């Protein structure tokens, strides 16, 4: 769960970073750099969206496994 949280957080840091880089590149007339950063930004947004949509399922899987491990330890 900590890894999932860290990944989700990191994706949003990357999204913010690419957004800043795009603004800076556009500000100084570097259209090609902005274009590449926009492509990377779309990839990071897609990964963040995938992570977000899978948070409930991963959480449930974690809880189910933790419960099973707890039940096994009690036997």
Protein backbone atom coordinates (compact mmCIF):
# COMPACT_ATOMS: atom_id res chain seq x y z
CA UNK A 1 0.00 0.00 0.00
CA UNK A 2 2.87 2.38 0.76
CA UNK A 3 4.36 1.65 -2.65
CA UNK A 4 1.05 2.38 -4.36
CA UNK A 5 0.71 5.65 -2.45
CA UNK A 6 4.28 6.62 -3.32
CA UNK A 7 3.71 5.81 -7.01
CA UNK A 8 0.52 7.86 -7.14
CA UNK A 9 2.23 10.78 -5.41
CA UNK A 10 5.27 10.57 -7.70
CA UNK A 11 3.08 10.60 -10.82
CA UNK A 12 1.52 13.87 -9.70
CA UNK A 13 4.95 15.35 -9.00
CA UNK A 14 5.94 14.40 -12.56
CA UNK A 15 2.73 15.93 -13.92
CA UNK A 16 3.50 19.19 -12.13
CA UNK A 17 7.11 19.09 -13.36
CA UNK A 18 6.14 18.59 -16.99
CA UNK A 19 3.52 21.33 -16.73
CA UNK A 20 6.22 23.70 -15.46
CA UNK A 21 8.64 22.63 -18.19
CA UNK A 22 6.00 23.18 -20.89
CA UNK A 23 5.26 26.67 -19.60
CA UNK A 24 8.98 27.49 -19.47
CA UNK A 25 9.65 26.08 -22.94
CA UNK A 26 6.73 28.01 -24.42
CA UNK A 27 7.91 31.16 -22.65
CA UNK A 28 11.31 31.03 -24.34
CA UNK A 29 10.04 29.86 -27.72
CA UNK A 30 11.23 26.25 -27.50
CA UNK A 31 8.30 24.62 -29.30
CA UNK A 32 10.01 21.25 -29.80
CA UNK A 33 10.89 20.93 -26.12
CA UNK A 34 7.31 21.87 -25.22
CA UNK A 35 6.00 19.26 -27.66
CA UNK A 36 8.15 16.48 -26.18
CA UNK A 37 7.19 17.50 -22.65
CA UNK A 38 3.50 17.51 -23.64
CA UNK A 39 3.87 13.95 -24.90
CA UNK A 40 5.53 12.92 -21.64
CA UNK A 41 2.84 14.77 -19.69
CA UNK A 42 0.11 12.76 -21.41
CA UNK A 43 1.90 9.53 -20.47
CA UNK A 44 2.21 10.59 -16.83
CA UNK A 45 -1.44 11.64 -16.71
CA UNK A 46 -2.46 8.26 -18.14
CA UNK A 47 -0.42 6.42 -15.51
CA UNK A 48 -1.85 8.57 -12.71
CA UNK A 49 -5.36 7.86 -14.01
CA UNK A 50 -4.62 4.11 -14.16
CA UNK A 51 -3.30 4.14 -10.61
CA UNK A 52 -6.30 6.09 -9.36
CA UNK A 53 -8.76 3.76 -11.03
CA UNK A 54 -7.00 0.73 -9.54
CA UNK A 55 -6.64 2.05 -5.97
CA UNK A 56 -9.87 0.40 -4.71
CA UNK A 57 -9.08 -2.98 -6.26
CA UNK A 58 -5.49 -3.03 -5.01
CA UNK A 59 -6.65 -2.00 -1.55
CA UNK A 60 -9.22 -4.78 -1.46
CA UNK A 61 -6.65 -7.34 -2.61
CA UNK A 62 -4.25 -6.15 0.08
CA UNK A 63 -6.89 -6.36 2.79
CA UNK A 64 -7.99 -9.83 1.66
CA UNK A 65 -4.40 -11.11 1.70
CA UNK A 66 -3.71 -9.49 5.07
CA UNK A 67 -6.81 -11.13 6.51
CA UNK A 68 -5.84 -14.51 5.08
CA UNK A 69 -2.32 -14.17 6.48
CA UNK A 70 -3.77 -13.22 9.87
CA UNK A 71 -6.11 -16.23 9.84
CA UNK A 72 -3.21 -18.54 8.95
CA UNK A 73 -1.09 -17.15 11.78
CA UNK A 74 -3.87 -17.82 14.28
CA UNK A 75 -4.04 -21.54 13.43
